[in-house]
Amino acid sequence: AHAVLLLDQAGWHLSDKVAVPPNITLAPLPPKCPELNAMENVWQFMRDNWLSNRVFRSYDNIVDHCCDAWNKLTEQPWRIMSIGLRDWAYRS
């Protein structure tokens, strides 16, 4: 099997020190294009709906809220699918 892995332009994703197996091709996304990275849209949805406009009491409180938001999202697979859909990807 062969996999293509999309990655953003974060320095640790593009390091020469990363050993990439021969059956994986790295495909970096263009810089400054978060709209092409579906995970950025997931984080934005979570911030907009469950993580914004609040004051966190501690680091553990932040982690707890993030875990709760993630669990809410994973209980809604249809929502994850709709966040990741791109109209332009299906045009022919």
C-alpha atoms as a PDB file:
ATOM      1  CA  ALA A   1       0.000   0.000   0.000  1.00  0.00           C
ATOM      2  CA  HIS A   2       1.093   3.557  -0.658  1.00  0.00           C
ATOM      3  CA  ALA A   3      -0.088   6.656   1.185  1.00  0.00           C
ATOM      4  CA  VAL A   4       0.035  10.349   0.377  1.00  0.00           C
ATOM      5  CA  LEU A   5       0.239  12.499   3.485  1.00  0.00           C
ATOM      6  CA  LEU A   6      -0.862  16.139   3.231  1.00  0.00           C
ATOM      7  CA  LEU A   7       0.990  18.461   5.575  1.00  0.00           C
ATOM      8  CA  ASP A   8       1.148  22.124   6.259  1.00  0.00           C
ATOM      9  CA  GLN A   9       4.336  24.158   6.110  1.00  0.00           C
ATOM     10  CA  ALA A  10       5.229  23.752   9.802  1.00  0.00           C
ATOM     11  CA  GLY A  11       8.979  23.413  10.172  1.00  0.00           C
ATOM     12  CA  TRP A  12       8.823  20.063  11.955  1.00  0.00           C
ATOM     13  CA  HIS A  13       6.787  18.611   9.085  1.00  0.00           C
ATOM     14  CA  LEU A  14       9.419  19.548   6.534  1.00  0.00           C
ATOM     15  CA  SER A  15      12.544  18.664   8.488  1.00  0.00           C
ATOM     16  CA  ASP A  16      15.231  16.634   6.731  1.00  0.00           C
ATOM     17  CA  LYS A  17      15.579  14.689   9.982  1.00  0.00           C
ATOM     18  CA  VAL A  18      12.201  12.962   9.505  1.00  0.00           C
ATOM     19  CA  ALA A  19      12.637   9.445   8.140  1.00  0.00           C
ATOM     20  CA  VAL A  20       9.868   8.918   5.592  1.00  0.00           C
ATOM     21  CA  PRO A  21       9.220   5.305   4.596  1.00  0.00           C
ATOM     22  CA  PRO A  22       9.356   4.612   0.844  1.00  0.00           C
ATOM     23  CA  ASN A  23       5.635   3.819   0.711  1.00  0.00           C
ATOM     24  CA  ILE A  24       4.665   7.309   1.933  1.00  0.00           C
ATOM     25  CA  THR A  25       4.732  10.432  -0.219  1.00  0.00           C
ATOM     26  CA  LEU A  26       4.688  13.777   1.568  1.00  0.00           C
ATOM     27  CA  ALA A  27       2.623  16.448  -0.197  1.00  0.00           C
ATOM     28  CA  PRO A  28       3.089  19.856   1.433  1.00  0.00           C
ATOM     29  CA  LEU A  29       0.201  22.278   1.120  1.00  0.00           C
ATOM     30  CA  PRO A  30       0.939  25.802  -0.136  1.00  0.00           C
ATOM     31  CA  PRO A  31       2.017  28.212   2.616  1.00  0.00           C
ATOM     32  CA  LYS A  32      -0.591  30.396   4.287  1.00  0.00           C
ATOM     33  CA  CYS A  33      -3.559  28.365   2.986  1.00  0.00           C
ATOM     34  CA  PRO A  34      -5.322  27.027   6.085  1.00  0.00           C
ATOM     35  CA  GLU A  35      -8.532  26.632   4.079  1.00  0.00           C
ATOM     36  CA  LEU A  36      -6.894  23.695   2.278  1.00  0.00           C
ATOM     37  CA  ASN A  37      -6.129  21.954   5.560  1.00  0.00           C
ATOM     38  CA  ALA A  38      -9.345  20.346   6.803  1.00  0.00           C
ATOM     39  CA  MET A  39      -7.956  20.031  10.344  1.00  0.00           C
ATOM     40  CA  GLU A  40      -7.669  23.816  10.576  1.00  0.00           C
ATOM     41  CA  ASN A  41     -11.397  23.992   9.884  1.00  0.00           C
ATOM     42  CA  VAL A  42     -12.074  21.413  12.602  1.00  0.00           C
ATOM     43  CA  TRP A  43     -10.133  23.476  15.152  1.00  0.00           C
ATOM     44  CA  GLN A  44     -11.941  26.649  14.032  1.00  0.00           C
ATOM     45  CA  PHE A  45     -15.321  24.936  14.454  1.00  0.00           C
ATOM     46  CA  MET A  46     -14.375  23.764  17.950  1.00  0.00           C
ATOM     47  CA  ARG A  47     -13.162  27.252  18.919  1.00  0.00           C
ATOM     48  CA  ASP A  48     -16.278  28.910  17.520  1.00  0.00           C
ATOM     49  CA  ASN A  49     -18.697  26.528  19.202  1.00  0.00           C
ATOM     50  CA  TRP A  50     -17.168  25.195  22.403  1.00  0.00           C
ATOM     51  CA  LEU A  51     -13.886  26.866  23.313  1.00  0.00           C
ATOM     52  CA  SER A  52     -14.242  30.611  22.781  1.00  0.00           C
ATOM     53  CA  ASN A  53     -15.368  33.404  25.113  1.00  0.00           C
ATOM     54  CA  ARG A  54     -14.276  31.767  28.334  1.00  0.00           C
ATOM     55  CA  VAL A  55     -11.572  32.169  30.916  1.00  0.00           C
ATOM     56  CA  PHE A  56      -9.684  29.033  31.835  1.00  0.00           C
ATOM     57  CA  ARG A  57      -8.651  28.572  35.472  1.00  0.00           C
ATOM     58  CA  SER A  58      -5.609  26.424  34.786  1.00  0.00           C
ATOM     59  CA  TYR A  59      -3.757  24.357  32.228  1.00  0.00           C
ATOM     60  CA  ASP A  60      -5.717  21.272  33.300  1.00  0.00           C
ATOM     61  CA  ASN A  61      -8.947  23.220  32.829  1.00  0.00           C
ATOM     62  CA  ILE A  62      -7.905  24.052  29.251  1.00  0.00           C
ATOM     63  CA  VAL A  63      -7.086  20.396  28.553  1.00  0.00           C
ATOM     64  CA  ASP A  64     -10.415  19.275  30.058  1.00  0.00           C
ATOM     65  CA  HIS A  65     -12.377  21.727  27.905  1.00  0.00           C
ATOM     66  CA  CYS A  66     -10.466  20.711  24.778  1.00  0.00           C
ATOM     67  CA  CYS A  67     -11.094  17.021  25.487  1.00  0.00           C
ATOM     68  CA  ASP A  68     -14.791  17.707  26.069  1.00  0.00           C
ATOM     69  CA  ALA A  69     -15.000  19.639  22.782  1.00  0.00           C
ATOM     70  CA  TRP A  70     -13.185  16.869  20.916  1.00  0.00           C
ATOM     71  CA  ASN A  71     -15.502  14.211  22.399  1.00  0.00           C
ATOM     72  CA  LYS A  72     -18.583  16.251  21.427  1.00  0.00           C
ATOM     73  CA  LEU A  73     -17.269  16.482  17.888  1.00  0.00           C
ATOM     74  CA  THR A  74     -16.446  12.778  17.582  1.00  0.00           C
ATOM     75  CA  GLU A  75     -20.035  12.010  18.608  1.00  0.00           C
ATOM     76  CA  GLN A  76     -21.143  13.891  15.463  1.00  0.00           C
ATOM     77  CA  PRO A  77     -19.487  12.173  12.477  1.00  0.00           C
ATOM     78  CA  TRP A  78     -21.837  13.968  10.061  1.00  0.00           C
ATOM     79  CA  ARG A  79     -20.471  17.272  11.364  1.00  0.00           C
ATOM     80  CA  ILE A  80     -16.876  16.178  10.781  1.00  0.00           C
ATOM     81  CA  MET A  81     -17.798  15.175   7.226  1.00  0.00           C
ATOM     82  CA  SER A  82     -19.483  18.525   6.542  1.00  0.00           C
ATOM     83  CA  ILE A  83     -16.506  20.481   7.911  1.00  0.00           C
ATOM     84  CA  GLY A  84     -14.127  18.576   5.654  1.00  0.00           C
ATOM     85  CA  LEU A  85     -16.161  18.776   2.450  1.00  0.00           C
ATOM     86  CA  ARG A  86     -14.916  21.081  -0.274  1.00  0.00           C
ATOM     87  CA  ASP A  87     -17.185  21.936  -3.185  1.00  0.00           C
ATOM     88  CA  TRP A  88     -14.204  22.648  -5.428  1.00  0.00           C
ATOM     89  CA  ALA A  89     -12.871  19.116  -4.871  1.00  0.00           C
ATOM     90  CA  TYR A  90     -15.929  17.581  -6.548  1.00  0.00           C
ATOM     91  CA  ARG A  91     -16.209  19.814  -9.621  1.00  0.00           C
ATOM     92  CA  SER A  92     -15.583  18.036 -12.886  1.00  0.00           C
END
